[in-house]
N, C-alpha and C. Protein backbone atom coordinates (compact mmCIF):
# COMPACT_ATOMS: atom_id res chain seq x y z
N MET A 1 -16.38 -6.66 14.09
CA MET A 1 -16.60 -5.99 12.81
C MET A 1 -16.97 -7.13 11.96
N LYS A 2 -18.58 -6.94 11.27
CA LYS A 2 -18.61 -8.16 10.23
C LYS A 2 -17.71 -7.76 8.86
N LEU A 3 -17.45 -8.56 8.10
CA LEU A 3 -17.12 -8.30 7.08
C LEU A 3 -18.04 -9.02 6.04
N THR A 4 -18.48 -8.20 4.69
CA THR A 4 -18.89 -8.74 4.21
C THR A 4 -18.62 -8.63 2.59
N ALA A 5 -19.08 -9.17 1.88
CA ALA A 5 -18.93 -9.07 0.38
C ALA A 5 -18.64 -7.54 -0.35
N SER A 6 -19.39 -6.97 0.09
CA SER A 6 -19.52 -5.61 -0.73
C SER A 6 -18.07 -4.80 -0.36
N ALA A 7 -17.96 -5.04 0.74
CA ALA A 7 -16.36 -4.86 1.07
C ALA A 7 -15.27 -4.91 -0.16
N PHE A 8 -15.43 -6.08 -0.59
CA PHE A 8 -14.80 -6.32 -1.50
C PHE A 8 -14.84 -6.42 -3.05
N GLU A 9 -16.58 -5.90 -3.43
CA GLU A 9 -16.89 -5.12 -4.23
C GLU A 9 -17.16 -3.88 -4.69
N LEU A 10 -16.47 -3.06 -3.97
CA LEU A 10 -16.24 -1.91 -3.73
C LEU A 10 -15.99 -1.38 -4.80
N PHE A 11 -14.01 -1.76 -5.53
CA PHE A 11 -13.87 -1.42 -6.59
C PHE A 11 -14.41 -2.17 -7.92
N ASP A 12 -14.27 -3.65 -7.84
CA ASP A 12 -14.57 -4.61 -8.24
C ASP A 12 -16.05 -4.45 -9.23
N LYS A 13 -17.13 -4.18 -8.24
CA LYS A 13 -18.50 -3.98 -9.13
C LYS A 13 -19.05 -3.25 -8.97
N GLU A 14 -18.61 -1.80 -7.97
CA GLU A 14 -19.19 -0.61 -8.11
C GLU A 14 -17.99 0.39 -8.69
N TRP A 15 -16.63 0.34 -8.96
CA TRP A 15 -15.90 1.02 -9.77
C TRP A 15 -15.91 2.36 -8.97
N ALA A 16 -14.75 2.74 -9.15
CA ALA A 16 -14.28 4.28 -8.61
C ALA A 16 -13.73 5.30 -9.90
N LEU A 17 -13.52 6.72 -9.33
CA LEU A 17 -12.72 7.27 -10.42
C LEU A 17 -11.24 7.69 -9.84
N LEU A 18 -10.32 7.22 -9.80
CA LEU A 18 -9.30 7.61 -9.94
C LEU A 18 -8.57 9.00 -10.64
N ALA A 19 -8.24 9.95 -9.99
CA ALA A 19 -7.94 11.15 -10.45
C ALA A 19 -6.30 11.67 -10.11
N ALA A 20 -5.44 12.19 -10.52
CA ALA A 20 -4.02 13.00 -10.48
C ALA A 20 -4.02 14.08 -10.92
N GLY A 21 -3.54 15.32 -10.49
CA GLY A 21 -3.40 16.29 -11.07
C GLY A 21 -3.62 17.46 -10.34
N ASN A 22 -3.63 18.45 -10.79
CA ASN A 22 -3.88 20.01 -10.34
C ASN A 22 -5.07 20.56 -11.21
N SER A 23 -5.27 22.21 -11.27
CA SER A 23 -6.19 22.73 -11.87
C SER A 23 -5.03 22.97 -13.28
N GLU A 24 -3.81 23.20 -13.12
CA GLU A 24 -3.27 23.01 -14.60
C GLU A 24 -2.95 21.81 -15.10
N GLY A 25 -3.69 20.65 -14.76
CA GLY A 25 -3.20 19.64 -15.51
C GLY A 25 -3.82 18.21 -14.88
N PHE A 26 -4.83 17.59 -15.24
CA PHE A 26 -5.01 16.40 -14.62
C PHE A 26 -5.46 15.53 -15.13
N ASN A 27 -5.74 13.81 -14.94
CA ASN A 27 -6.72 13.45 -15.68
C ASN A 27 -7.31 12.23 -15.22
N ALA A 28 -8.21 11.24 -15.12
CA ALA A 28 -8.67 10.72 -14.59
C ALA A 28 -9.24 9.51 -14.97
N MET A 29 -9.63 8.26 -14.79
CA MET A 29 -9.81 6.90 -14.94
C MET A 29 -10.34 6.32 -14.14
N THR A 30 -11.31 5.36 -14.69
CA THR A 30 -11.79 4.31 -13.91
C THR A 30 -11.22 3.02 -13.60
N ILE A 31 -11.78 2.66 -12.11
CA ILE A 31 -10.37 1.86 -12.39
C ILE A 31 -11.32 0.77 -11.15
N SER A 32 -11.49 -0.41 -11.42
CA SER A 32 -11.96 -1.74 -11.18
C SER A 32 -10.85 -2.46 -9.84
N TRP A 33 -10.29 -2.53 -10.18
CA TRP A 33 -8.34 -3.11 -9.18
C TRP A 33 -8.48 -1.85 -7.65
N GLY A 34 -8.55 -2.33 -7.09
CA GLY A 34 -7.65 -1.08 -5.50
C GLY A 34 -8.05 -1.81 -4.45
N GLY A 35 -7.97 -1.45 -3.14
CA GLY A 35 -7.89 -1.91 -1.97
C GLY A 35 -7.86 -1.10 -1.26
N LEU A 36 -8.03 -1.21 0.57
CA LEU A 36 -8.43 -0.17 1.12
C LEU A 36 -7.51 -1.16 2.18
N GLY A 37 -6.97 -0.52 3.23
CA GLY A 37 -6.38 -1.47 4.87
C GLY A 37 -5.51 -0.54 5.12
N THR A 38 -4.44 -1.10 6.17
CA THR A 38 -3.80 -0.30 6.81
C THR A 38 -2.18 -0.53 6.73
N LEU A 39 -1.20 -0.30 6.82
CA LEU A 39 -0.47 -0.13 6.52
C LEU A 39 1.02 1.11 7.10
N TRP A 40 1.79 0.48 7.69
CA TRP A 40 2.75 1.09 8.31
C TRP A 40 1.65 2.25 9.46
N GLY A 41 1.00 1.59 10.26
CA GLY A 41 -0.04 2.48 10.81
C GLY A 41 -0.81 3.41 10.30
N LYS A 42 -0.97 3.23 9.04
CA LYS A 42 -1.41 4.33 8.36
C LYS A 42 -3.37 4.09 7.62
N PRO A 43 -3.89 4.63 7.43
CA PRO A 43 -4.84 4.10 6.63
C PRO A 43 -4.78 4.43 5.23
N VAL A 44 -4.50 3.57 4.40
CA VAL A 44 -4.59 3.51 2.82
C VAL A 44 -5.25 2.62 1.74
N VAL A 45 -5.07 3.79 0.75
CA VAL A 45 -5.46 3.02 -0.44
C VAL A 45 -4.68 2.94 -1.92
N THR A 46 -4.92 1.70 -2.11
CA THR A 46 -4.45 0.93 -3.41
C THR A 46 -4.65 0.64 -4.50
N VAL A 47 -4.09 1.21 -5.27
CA VAL A 47 -4.38 1.28 -7.01
C VAL A 47 -3.78 1.04 -8.29
N TYR A 48 -3.73 0.46 -9.03
CA TYR A 48 -2.74 -0.10 -9.63
C TYR A 48 -3.08 -0.17 -10.92
N VAL A 49 -2.33 1.41 -11.92
CA VAL A 49 -2.43 1.75 -13.13
C VAL A 49 -1.14 1.47 -14.29
N LYS A 50 -1.26 0.91 -15.30
CA LYS A 50 -0.56 0.16 -16.30
C LYS A 50 -0.26 1.61 -16.84
N PRO A 51 1.61 1.54 -16.95
CA PRO A 51 2.09 2.47 -17.38
C PRO A 51 1.46 3.44 -18.46
N ILE A 52 1.12 2.59 -19.56
CA ILE A 52 0.27 3.45 -20.62
C ILE A 52 -1.12 4.11 -20.44
N ARG A 53 -1.06 3.94 -19.82
CA ARG A 53 -2.19 4.65 -18.96
C ARG A 53 -2.05 6.36 -19.35
N TYR A 54 -2.82 7.21 -19.67
CA TYR A 54 -2.44 8.65 -19.63
C TYR A 54 -2.64 9.49 -18.45
N THR A 55 -3.42 8.65 -17.58
CA THR A 55 -3.68 8.99 -15.28
C THR A 55 -2.17 8.58 -15.18
N HIS A 56 -1.32 7.59 -15.72
CA HIS A 56 0.26 6.75 -14.90
C HIS A 56 1.00 8.13 -15.04
N ARG A 57 1.28 9.18 -15.86
CA ARG A 57 1.84 10.78 -16.26
C ARG A 57 1.57 11.28 -14.58
N PHE A 58 0.58 11.50 -14.84
CA PHE A 58 -0.05 12.38 -13.38
C PHE A 58 0.52 11.84 -11.97
N LEU A 59 -0.06 10.33 -12.29
CA LEU A 59 0.42 10.20 -10.83
C LEU A 59 1.75 10.07 -10.13
N GLU A 60 2.28 10.22 -11.64
CA GLU A 60 3.86 9.79 -11.32
C GLU A 60 4.29 11.60 -11.20
N ALA A 61 3.76 12.14 -11.35
CA ALA A 61 4.27 13.77 -10.88
C ALA A 61 3.79 14.19 -9.62
N ASN A 62 2.74 13.77 -9.19
CA ASN A 62 2.34 14.52 -7.97
C ASN A 62 2.16 13.59 -6.69
N ASP A 63 2.04 14.39 -5.66
CA ASP A 63 2.36 13.55 -4.52
C ASP A 63 0.79 13.13 -4.17
N CYS A 64 0.14 13.40 -4.53
CA CYS A 64 -1.24 12.79 -4.08
C CYS A 64 -2.08 12.89 -5.30
N PHE A 65 -3.26 11.69 -5.02
CA PHE A 65 -4.13 11.39 -5.91
C PHE A 65 -5.50 11.28 -5.19
N THR A 66 -6.73 11.02 -5.88
CA THR A 66 -8.05 11.17 -5.79
C THR A 66 -8.28 9.56 -5.92
N VAL A 67 -9.35 9.01 -5.14
CA VAL A 67 -10.17 8.20 -5.20
C VAL A 67 -11.27 8.42 -5.48
N SER A 68 -12.31 8.34 -6.09
CA SER A 68 -14.27 9.10 -5.90
C SER A 68 -14.98 7.59 -5.92
N PHE A 69 -16.29 7.88 -5.44
CA PHE A 69 -17.30 6.75 -5.48
C PHE A 69 -18.56 7.59 -5.88
N TYR A 70 -19.53 7.14 -6.64
CA TYR A 70 -20.28 7.32 -7.52
C TYR A 70 -21.77 6.82 -7.55
N SER A 71 -23.03 7.11 -7.23
CA SER A 71 -24.11 6.19 -7.16
C SER A 71 -24.10 5.74 -8.66
N GLU A 72 -25.23 4.71 -8.83
CA GLU A 72 -25.24 4.07 -9.76
C GLU A 72 -25.72 4.97 -11.21
N LYS A 73 -26.72 5.91 -11.08
CA LYS A 73 -26.86 7.00 -12.16
C LYS A 73 -25.63 7.63 -12.41
N PHE A 74 -24.50 7.34 -12.24
CA PHE A 74 -23.52 7.97 -12.73
C PHE A 74 -22.38 6.41 -13.66
N ARG A 75 -23.18 5.68 -13.76
CA ARG A 75 -22.49 4.11 -14.03
C ARG A 75 -22.05 4.37 -15.35
N ARG A 76 -22.46 5.10 -16.46
CA ARG A 76 -22.25 5.27 -17.36
C ARG A 76 -21.78 6.21 -17.44
N ALA A 77 -21.62 7.17 -17.05
CA ALA A 77 -19.67 7.94 -17.13
C ALA A 77 -18.55 7.71 -16.48
N LEU A 78 -18.94 6.81 -15.65
CA LEU A 78 -17.52 5.84 -15.48
C LEU A 78 -16.97 5.22 -16.41
N ALA A 79 -18.30 4.24 -17.45
CA ALA A 79 -17.97 3.50 -18.23
C ALA A 79 -17.17 4.11 -19.55
N LEU A 80 -17.70 5.43 -19.80
CA LEU A 80 -17.04 6.27 -20.27
C LEU A 80 -15.76 6.66 -20.40
N LEU A 81 -15.33 7.62 -19.08
CA LEU A 81 -14.19 7.75 -18.72
C LEU A 81 -13.17 6.43 -18.64
N GLY A 82 -13.47 4.97 -18.49
CA GLY A 82 -12.85 3.83 -18.58
C GLY A 82 -12.52 3.27 -19.94
N THR A 83 -13.10 3.75 -21.00
CA THR A 83 -12.64 3.32 -22.49
C THR A 83 -12.15 4.85 -23.46
N LEU A 84 -12.41 5.76 -22.55
CA LEU A 84 -11.45 7.33 -23.62
C LEU A 84 -10.35 7.52 -22.79
N SER A 85 -8.86 7.44 -23.78
CA SER A 85 -7.94 8.16 -23.12
C SER A 85 -7.83 9.74 -23.06
N GLY A 86 -8.02 9.93 -21.92
CA GLY A 86 -7.69 11.80 -21.80
C GLY A 86 -6.60 12.53 -22.41
N ARG A 87 -5.81 11.70 -23.40
CA ARG A 87 -5.16 12.05 -23.82
C ARG A 87 -5.48 12.49 -25.45
N ASP A 88 -6.27 11.95 -25.96
CA ASP A 88 -6.86 11.99 -27.41
C ASP A 88 -8.42 13.04 -26.81
N THR A 89 -8.85 12.97 -25.96
CA THR A 89 -10.15 13.93 -25.67
C THR A 89 -10.39 14.22 -24.33
N ASP A 90 -11.67 15.38 -24.21
CA ASP A 90 -11.71 15.77 -23.14
C ASP A 90 -12.79 14.80 -22.36
N LYS A 91 -12.35 13.90 -22.32
CA LYS A 91 -13.28 12.47 -21.65
C LYS A 91 -14.16 13.23 -20.77
N ILE A 92 -13.74 14.17 -19.44
CA ILE A 92 -14.09 14.45 -18.54
C ILE A 92 -15.73 15.34 -19.01
N ALA A 93 -15.69 16.20 -19.66
CA ALA A 93 -16.45 16.65 -20.27
C ALA A 93 -17.30 16.12 -21.27
N ARG A 94 -17.38 15.01 -21.65
CA ARG A 94 -18.03 14.29 -22.51
C ARG A 94 -18.62 13.39 -21.58
N ALA A 95 -18.60 13.21 -20.12
CA ALA A 95 -18.64 12.21 -19.19
C ALA A 95 -19.70 12.87 -18.69
N GLY A 96 -19.99 14.18 -18.50
CA GLY A 96 -20.51 14.95 -18.07
C GLY A 96 -20.65 15.34 -16.45
N LEU A 97 -19.32 15.02 -16.26
CA LEU A 97 -18.58 15.53 -14.57
C LEU A 97 -18.12 17.27 -14.93
N THR A 98 -18.34 17.35 -13.33
CA THR A 98 -17.54 18.66 -13.09
C THR A 98 -16.48 18.96 -12.18
N PRO A 99 -15.38 18.97 -12.94
CA PRO A 99 -14.16 18.95 -11.71
C PRO A 99 -14.15 20.07 -10.38
N GLU A 100 -13.52 19.31 -9.62
CA GLU A 100 -13.70 19.96 -8.49
C GLU A 100 -12.33 20.00 -7.65
N PHE A 101 -11.66 21.51 -8.12
CA PHE A 101 -10.37 21.27 -7.37
C PHE A 101 -9.93 21.37 -5.85
N LEU A 102 -8.92 20.18 -5.43
CA LEU A 102 -9.11 20.53 -4.05
C LEU A 102 -7.22 20.97 -4.08
N LYS A 103 -7.31 21.45 -2.41
CA LYS A 103 -5.84 21.44 -2.11
C LYS A 103 -5.11 21.18 -2.40
N GLU A 104 -5.30 18.84 -2.59
CA GLU A 104 -4.08 18.11 -2.83
C GLU A 104 -4.87 17.38 -3.49
N GLY A 105 -5.12 17.78 -5.28
CA GLY A 105 -5.26 17.17 -6.06
C GLY A 105 -7.24 17.16 -6.81
N VAL A 106 -7.88 16.55 -6.90
CA VAL A 106 -8.93 16.57 -7.83
C VAL A 106 -9.56 15.66 -7.47
N THR A 107 -11.34 16.22 -7.58
CA THR A 107 -12.49 15.12 -7.60
C THR A 107 -13.18 15.52 -8.18
N PHE A 108 -14.97 15.28 -8.34
CA PHE A 108 -15.29 15.63 -9.14
C PHE A 108 -16.95 15.71 -8.22
N SER A 109 -17.47 17.06 -8.37
CA SER A 109 -19.01 17.39 -7.67
C SER A 109 -19.50 16.16 -7.43
N GLU A 110 -20.02 15.31 -8.79
CA GLU A 110 -20.58 14.28 -8.36
C GLU A 110 -20.90 13.11 -7.82
N ALA A 111 -18.97 12.91 -7.35
CA ALA A 111 -18.59 12.09 -6.07
C ALA A 111 -20.00 11.82 -4.88
N HIS A 112 -20.10 11.07 -4.38
CA HIS A 112 -20.56 11.07 -2.98
C HIS A 112 -19.25 10.70 -2.00
N THR A 113 -18.43 10.37 -2.26
CA THR A 113 -17.31 9.85 -1.38
C THR A 113 -15.66 9.73 -2.14
N THR A 114 -15.07 11.06 -1.54
CA THR A 114 -13.66 10.88 -2.22
C THR A 114 -12.34 10.21 -1.17
N LEU A 115 -11.64 9.65 -1.27
CA LEU A 115 -10.96 9.37 -0.73
C LEU A 115 -9.16 10.69 -1.25
N VAL A 116 -8.72 11.47 -0.51
CA VAL A 116 -7.79 12.37 -1.03
C VAL A 116 -6.10 11.32 -0.24
N ALA A 117 -5.68 11.12 -0.68
CA ALA A 117 -4.54 10.24 -0.66
C ALA A 117 -2.74 11.23 -0.84
N LYS A 118 -1.78 10.63 -0.28
CA LYS A 118 -0.82 11.38 -0.30
C LYS A 118 0.22 9.66 -0.87
N LYS A 119 0.74 9.39 -2.11
CA LYS A 119 1.97 8.95 -1.87
C LYS A 119 2.58 7.83 -1.33
N ILE A 120 2.83 7.30 -0.95
CA ILE A 120 3.89 6.69 0.23
C ILE A 120 4.61 5.61 -0.38
N TYR A 121 3.80 4.87 -1.12
CA TYR A 121 4.94 3.64 -2.08
C TYR A 121 4.69 4.12 -3.55
N ARG A 122 5.35 3.64 -4.28
CA ARG A 122 5.07 2.92 -5.62
C ARG A 122 6.07 1.76 -6.03
N GLN A 123 5.30 0.74 -6.53
CA GLN A 123 6.09 -0.92 -7.01
C GLN A 123 5.50 -1.13 -8.49
N THR A 124 6.32 -1.31 -8.82
CA THR A 124 6.00 -1.60 -10.46
C THR A 124 5.90 -3.55 -10.01
N LEU A 125 4.82 -3.85 -10.49
CA LEU A 125 4.62 -5.79 -10.31
C LEU A 125 5.67 -5.75 -10.87
N ASN A 126 5.78 -7.33 -10.65
CA ASN A 126 7.14 -8.34 -11.20
C ASN A 126 6.00 -9.49 -12.37
N PRO A 127 6.45 -9.20 -12.71
CA PRO A 127 5.65 -10.63 -13.63
C PRO A 127 6.23 -12.15 -13.40
N ASP A 128 7.70 -12.48 -12.73
CA ASP A 128 8.29 -13.21 -12.68
C ASP A 128 7.80 -14.02 -11.31
N THR A 129 6.87 -12.96 -10.67
CA THR A 129 6.56 -13.85 -8.99
C THR A 129 5.20 -13.95 -9.34
N MET A 130 4.16 -13.50 -10.62
CA MET A 130 3.16 -14.18 -10.68
C MET A 130 2.09 -15.37 -11.38
N PRO A 131 1.64 -15.95 -11.03
CA PRO A 131 0.81 -17.20 -11.52
C PRO A 131 1.02 -17.26 -13.16
N LYS A 132 1.46 -18.24 -13.39
CA LYS A 132 1.33 -17.96 -15.19
C LYS A 132 0.15 -17.07 -16.23
N ASP A 133 -0.93 -18.23 -15.71
CA ASP A 133 -2.23 -17.78 -16.05
C ASP A 133 -2.20 -16.40 -15.85
N VAL A 134 -2.22 -15.50 -14.65
CA VAL A 134 -2.00 -13.96 -14.81
C VAL A 134 -1.49 -13.40 -15.72
N VAL A 135 0.34 -13.73 -16.20
CA VAL A 135 0.56 -13.22 -16.94
C VAL A 135 -0.07 -13.53 -18.42
N ALA A 136 -0.01 -14.69 -18.04
CA ALA A 136 -0.78 -14.69 -20.18
C ALA A 136 -1.93 -13.89 -20.32
N ASP A 137 -3.28 -13.57 -19.22
CA ASP A 137 -3.76 -13.13 -19.36
C ASP A 137 -3.97 -11.67 -19.63
N TYR A 138 -2.92 -11.05 -18.34
CA TYR A 138 -3.07 -9.30 -18.47
C TYR A 138 -1.90 -8.93 -18.88
N TYR A 139 -0.69 -9.47 -18.82
CA TYR A 139 0.58 -8.76 -19.50
C TYR A 139 1.30 -9.44 -20.81
N ARG A 140 0.86 -10.24 -21.33
CA ARG A 140 1.28 -10.66 -22.17
C ARG A 140 1.88 -9.74 -23.82
N ASP A 141 0.96 -8.79 -23.78
CA ASP A 141 1.59 -7.76 -24.46
C ASP A 141 1.43 -6.14 -24.49
N GLU A 142 1.28 -6.10 -22.69
CA GLU A 142 1.85 -5.24 -22.14
C GLU A 142 2.49 -5.26 -21.21
N PRO A 143 3.26 -4.10 -20.54
CA PRO A 143 4.12 -3.71 -19.21
C PRO A 143 2.95 -3.83 -18.10
N PRO A 144 3.42 -4.29 -16.54
CA PRO A 144 2.87 -4.68 -15.74
C PRO A 144 2.38 -3.17 -15.20
N HIS A 145 1.14 -3.28 -14.72
CA HIS A 145 0.48 -2.05 -13.88
C HIS A 145 1.74 -1.64 -12.77
N THR A 146 1.41 -0.87 -12.70
CA THR A 146 2.72 -0.30 -11.22
C THR A 146 1.40 0.35 -10.04
N MET A 147 1.71 -0.63 -9.29
CA MET A 147 0.91 0.13 -7.58
C MET A 147 1.23 0.69 -6.78
N PHE A 148 0.14 2.14 -6.70
CA PHE A 148 0.62 3.27 -6.40
C PHE A 148 -0.35 2.87 -4.73
N VAL A 149 0.43 3.37 -3.52
CA VAL A 149 -0.34 3.23 -2.41
C VAL A 149 -0.24 4.58 -1.58
N GLY A 150 -1.35 5.01 -1.53
CA GLY A 150 -1.34 6.40 -0.91
C GLY A 150 -1.99 6.36 0.65
N GLU A 151 -1.46 6.82 1.67
CA GLU A 151 -2.23 7.29 2.47
C GLU A 151 -3.21 7.92 2.59
N VAL A 152 -4.39 7.43 3.44
CA VAL A 152 -5.72 8.34 3.41
C VAL A 152 -5.61 9.75 4.07
N ILE A 153 -5.60 10.76 3.76
CA ILE A 153 -5.31 12.41 4.56
C ILE A 153 -6.28 12.95 4.18
N GLU A 154 -7.35 12.51 3.65
CA GLU A 154 -8.55 12.92 3.96
C GLU A 154 -9.66 12.39 3.46
N ILE A 155 -11.13 12.06 3.78
CA ILE A 155 -12.31 11.28 3.55
C ILE A 155 -13.45 12.75 3.13
N LEU A 156 -13.99 12.41 2.30
CA LEU A 156 -14.44 13.77 1.88
C LEU A 156 -16.38 13.20 1.37
N LYS A 157 -17.30 13.41 2.22
CA LYS A 157 -18.54 13.19 1.80
C LYS A 157 -19.71 13.94 1.45
N LYS A 158 -20.28 13.19 0.80
CA LYS A 158 -21.97 14.68 0.59
C LYS A 158 -22.86 13.71 0.94
C-alpha cells in the first residue's frame, strides 16, 4: 500500500462532519481532528471533542456516531457548522443540509461517504502528559478534549 499525504489531510484539510443522536434529538459539528486505523482487530475512527461543545452530550448519551465527508461545494456549510452552536440555533437548517436518520445515528443526504461507528472507548485527554506548548495553545482556558474511538460498523457511499 502506498501511503500518501492525502490520508493525513482527510480531516485536517478536507474536514468532516461528526454527528451523534437520533430522530428525537441530535447535533453535528465540523471536525478537523480525527483519524482512521485499527484497534483491537477492528477498523476504527477516532474523534476529539471538547466537553463544552454541544455535540459532546450527544456523543456521551448514544452508543453510535457518524463521521461524514463532503465535496468541496459544501465547504461553506461545513464552515458554518463549525462556528455556530446547535444549542442556540438550528444550524443544520441554516447550513442547508438534509438530515438522514439511520438505524444507528444520523448523517446528511449531501454526504458522499459516511462512517457509522459504535463507541468502543472514550478517554479524556490528560494535559499532564502533553507537551507544554500544546497545553498553552489548546487548553489554557478550557478543559481538554475527550477522545472517542468508534468501531466502524458500516460505510455508506453515494
